[in-house]
Amino acid sequence: MSTAYTHRLARQQDLDAIVAIYNSTVASRQVTADTEPVSLASRQAWFDEHTADKRPLWVAERDGEIIGWLSYSNFYGRPAYAGTAELSVYLHEKARGQGLGRYFLEQAIAFAPSIKVHTLLGFVFGHNEPSLKLFEAFAFERWANMPRVATLDGVERDLVILGKRVA
């Protein structure tokens, strides 16, 4: 099993696979605050907001199949925050625990200054230990703990905001 990964910019025809990977995480109640799968149509505007020069959306493939994606997203949507981006990493269940998340974060950190991003954020549920450990392995610090801000199946969950200055 190779741990050497590559990525490319997502294309419109990748949206089906991107949404399928996202939806595969909904039932776990560990990764996303969505409680029902999202539709392809509902993710189109989000997809369109990602541009190579400011907020890229990357996919990784293995044997012609998309096995994960990473997106840079705007933080708070106001001009003064243009140098800050939220990172989201979603992996196909077949690709979890194989180093793809580490690869994506390494690449995102290195790439951020080229799109004028100096600060990266990760929004992670407090009970999502694998994701917390992943971000912390790259020296992201816990900048905020928002206790019990999400309710999933009647269970209140914390949101941890992790941050890292990269430039």
Protein backbone atom coordinates (compact mmCIF):
# COMPACT_ATOMS: atom_id res chain seq x y z
CA MET A 1 0.00 0.00 0.00
CA SER A 2 1.60 3.24 -1.14
CA THR A 3 1.69 6.24 1.13
CA ALA A 4 2.97 8.52 -1.63
CA TYR A 5 0.02 10.69 -2.54
CA THR A 6 -0.64 13.41 -5.07
CA HIS A 7 -3.55 15.78 -5.44
CA ARG A 8 -5.12 17.99 -8.06
CA LEU A 9 -7.72 20.71 -8.23
CA ALA A 10 -11.26 19.38 -8.10
CA ARG A 11 -13.30 19.52 -11.29
CA GLN A 12 -17.06 19.73 -11.68
CA GLN A 13 -17.26 16.02 -12.51
CA ASP A 14 -15.66 15.26 -9.10
CA LEU A 15 -18.54 16.75 -7.14
CA ASP A 16 -20.45 13.44 -6.99
CA ALA A 17 -17.50 11.71 -5.32
CA ILE A 18 -16.82 14.69 -3.03
CA VAL A 19 -20.42 14.66 -1.80
CA ALA A 20 -20.41 10.87 -1.40
CA ILE A 21 -17.31 11.01 0.79
CA TYR A 22 -18.83 13.83 2.84
CA ASN A 23 -22.10 11.96 3.24
CA SER A 24 -20.26 8.83 4.35
CA THR A 25 -19.24 10.70 7.51
CA VAL A 26 -22.69 11.94 8.54
CA ALA A 27 -23.82 8.80 10.38
CA SER A 28 -20.71 8.68 12.58
CA ARG A 29 -21.70 11.93 14.29
CA GLN A 30 -17.99 12.57 14.67
CA VAL A 31 -17.00 14.69 11.67
CA THR A 32 -19.81 16.95 10.47
CA ALA A 33 -22.68 18.81 12.10
CA ASP A 34 -24.99 17.77 9.28
CA THR A 35 -27.39 15.16 10.58
CA GLU A 36 -28.72 14.02 7.19
CA PRO A 37 -26.86 13.42 3.93
CA VAL A 38 -26.59 16.50 1.72
CA SER A 39 -27.67 16.64 -1.92
CA LEU A 40 -25.44 17.28 -4.87
CA ALA A 41 -27.45 20.39 -5.72
CA SER A 42 -27.05 21.77 -2.19
CA ARG A 43 -23.24 21.62 -2.51
CA GLN A 44 -22.95 23.29 -5.92
CA ALA A 45 -22.64 26.86 -4.63
CA TRP A 46 -20.05 25.70 -2.07
CA PHE A 47 -18.11 23.98 -4.86
CA ASP A 48 -18.28 27.10 -7.04
CA GLU A 49 -16.80 29.26 -4.24
CA HIS A 50 -13.54 27.33 -4.43
CA THR A 51 -11.00 28.85 -6.80
CA ALA A 52 -7.43 27.79 -7.47
CA ASP A 53 -6.01 31.23 -6.69
CA LYS A 54 -7.78 31.93 -3.38
CA ARG A 55 -9.64 28.95 -1.87
CA PRO A 56 -8.72 25.73 -3.66
CA LEU A 57 -10.52 22.42 -3.37
CA TRP A 58 -8.20 19.46 -3.88
CA VAL A 59 -8.89 15.80 -4.48
CA ALA A 60 -6.60 12.78 -4.19
CA GLU A 61 -7.12 9.71 -6.34
CA ARG A 62 -6.06 6.09 -6.19
CA ASP A 63 -6.66 3.75 -9.11
CA GLY A 64 -8.88 6.36 -10.77
CA GLU A 65 -11.14 6.76 -7.72
CA ILE A 66 -11.30 9.87 -5.55
CA ILE A 67 -10.25 8.82 -2.05
CA GLY A 68 -10.29 12.16 -0.26
CA TRP A 69 -10.53 15.89 -0.52
CA LEU A 70 -9.31 19.03 1.20
CA SER A 71 -10.85 22.46 0.97
CA TYR A 72 -9.80 25.93 2.01
CA SER A 73 -12.84 27.98 3.00
CA ASN A 74 -13.32 31.60 3.98
CA PHE A 75 -13.39 32.36 7.67
CA TYR A 76 -16.20 34.68 8.73
CA GLY A 77 -16.68 36.19 5.26
CA ARG A 78 -15.38 39.68 5.90
CA PRO A 79 -12.45 41.31 4.05
CA ALA A 80 -10.27 41.75 7.14
CA TYR A 81 -10.18 37.95 7.52
CA ALA A 82 -8.99 37.27 3.95
CA GLY A 83 -5.65 35.96 5.25
CA THR A 84 -7.36 33.29 7.34
CA ALA A 85 -8.81 30.08 5.93
CA GLU A 86 -10.59 27.09 7.41
CA LEU A 87 -9.32 23.70 6.28
CA SER A 88 -11.64 20.74 5.87
CA VAL A 89 -10.33 17.23 5.22
CA TYR A 90 -12.62 14.33 4.30
CA LEU A 91 -11.39 10.86 3.46
CA HIS A 92 -13.05 7.86 1.86
CA GLU A 93 -13.44 5.12 4.44
CA LYS A 94 -10.99 2.95 2.42
CA ALA A 95 -8.32 5.67 2.75
CA ARG A 96 -8.57 6.46 6.46
CA GLY A 97 -5.58 5.75 8.66
CA GLN A 98 -3.18 5.50 5.71
CA GLY A 99 -1.48 8.89 5.83
CA LEU A 100 -3.67 10.79 3.38
CA GLY A 101 -4.87 13.25 6.03
CA ARG A 102 -1.25 13.93 7.00
CA TYR A 103 -0.34 14.41 3.34
CA PHE A 104 -3.20 16.87 2.79
CA LEU A 105 -2.32 18.96 5.86
CA GLU A 106 1.36 19.04 4.96
CA GLN A 107 0.52 20.25 1.46
CA ALA A 108 -2.06 22.79 2.67
CA ILE A 109 0.35 24.34 5.16
CA ALA A 110 3.08 24.67 2.55
CA PHE A 111 0.68 26.05 -0.07
CA ALA A 112 -1.15 28.61 2.09
CA PRO A 113 1.31 31.53 1.70
CA SER A 114 1.06 31.30 -2.09
CA ILE A 115 -2.65 32.20 -1.84
CA LYS A 116 -1.96 34.93 0.75
CA VAL A 117 -3.19 32.86 3.70
CA HIS A 118 -1.21 33.38 6.89
CA THR A 119 -3.51 31.61 9.34
CA LEU A 120 -5.15 28.20 9.03
CA LEU A 121 -8.01 26.95 11.17
CA GLY A 122 -9.57 23.58 11.79
CA PHE A 123 -13.04 23.19 13.31
CA VAL A 124 -13.17 19.78 14.98
CA PHE A 125 -15.65 18.17 17.36
CA GLY A 126 -14.09 17.66 20.78
CA HIS A 127 -14.87 13.93 20.65
CA ASN A 128 -13.14 13.47 17.27
CA GLU A 129 -9.79 12.35 18.68
CA PRO A 130 -8.29 11.19 15.34
CA SER A 131 -8.82 14.61 13.75
CA LEU A 132 -7.63 16.50 16.83
CA LYS A 133 -4.46 14.39 16.88
CA LEU A 134 -3.93 14.95 13.16
CA PHE A 135 -4.06 18.75 13.44
CA GLU A 136 -2.00 18.78 16.63
CA ALA A 137 0.68 16.64 14.91
CA PHE A 138 1.21 19.66 12.65
CA ALA A 139 1.51 22.07 15.59
CA PHE A 140 -2.01 23.44 15.36
CA GLU A 141 -2.92 24.79 18.78
CA ARG A 142 -6.29 24.73 20.50
CA TRP A 143 -7.36 28.32 20.17
CA ALA A 144 -10.93 27.88 21.35
CA ASN A 145 -13.16 25.33 23.00
CA MET A 146 -16.83 25.95 22.49
CA PRO A 147 -18.58 23.68 24.98
CA ARG A 148 -21.82 21.94 24.04
CA VAL A 149 -22.55 24.10 20.98
CA ALA A 150 -23.76 21.18 18.85
CA THR A 151 -26.43 18.60 19.60
CA LEU A 152 -26.18 15.31 17.75
CA ASP A 153 -28.87 12.72 18.47
CA GLY A 154 -29.61 14.40 21.78
CA VAL A 155 -25.95 14.50 22.86
CA GLU A 156 -24.35 17.91 23.31
CA ARG A 157 -20.91 18.15 21.73
CA ASP A 158 -18.00 20.58 22.01
CA LEU A 159 -16.39 22.29 19.05
CA VAL A 160 -12.63 22.85 19.18
CA ILE A 161 -11.07 25.50 16.98
CA LEU A 162 -7.46 24.73 16.14
CA GLY A 163 -5.21 27.35 14.63
CA LYS A 164 -1.77 27.75 13.13
CA ARG A 165 0.14 30.72 11.76
CA VAL A 166 1.92 29.69 8.57
CA ALA A 167 3.39 32.97 7.36
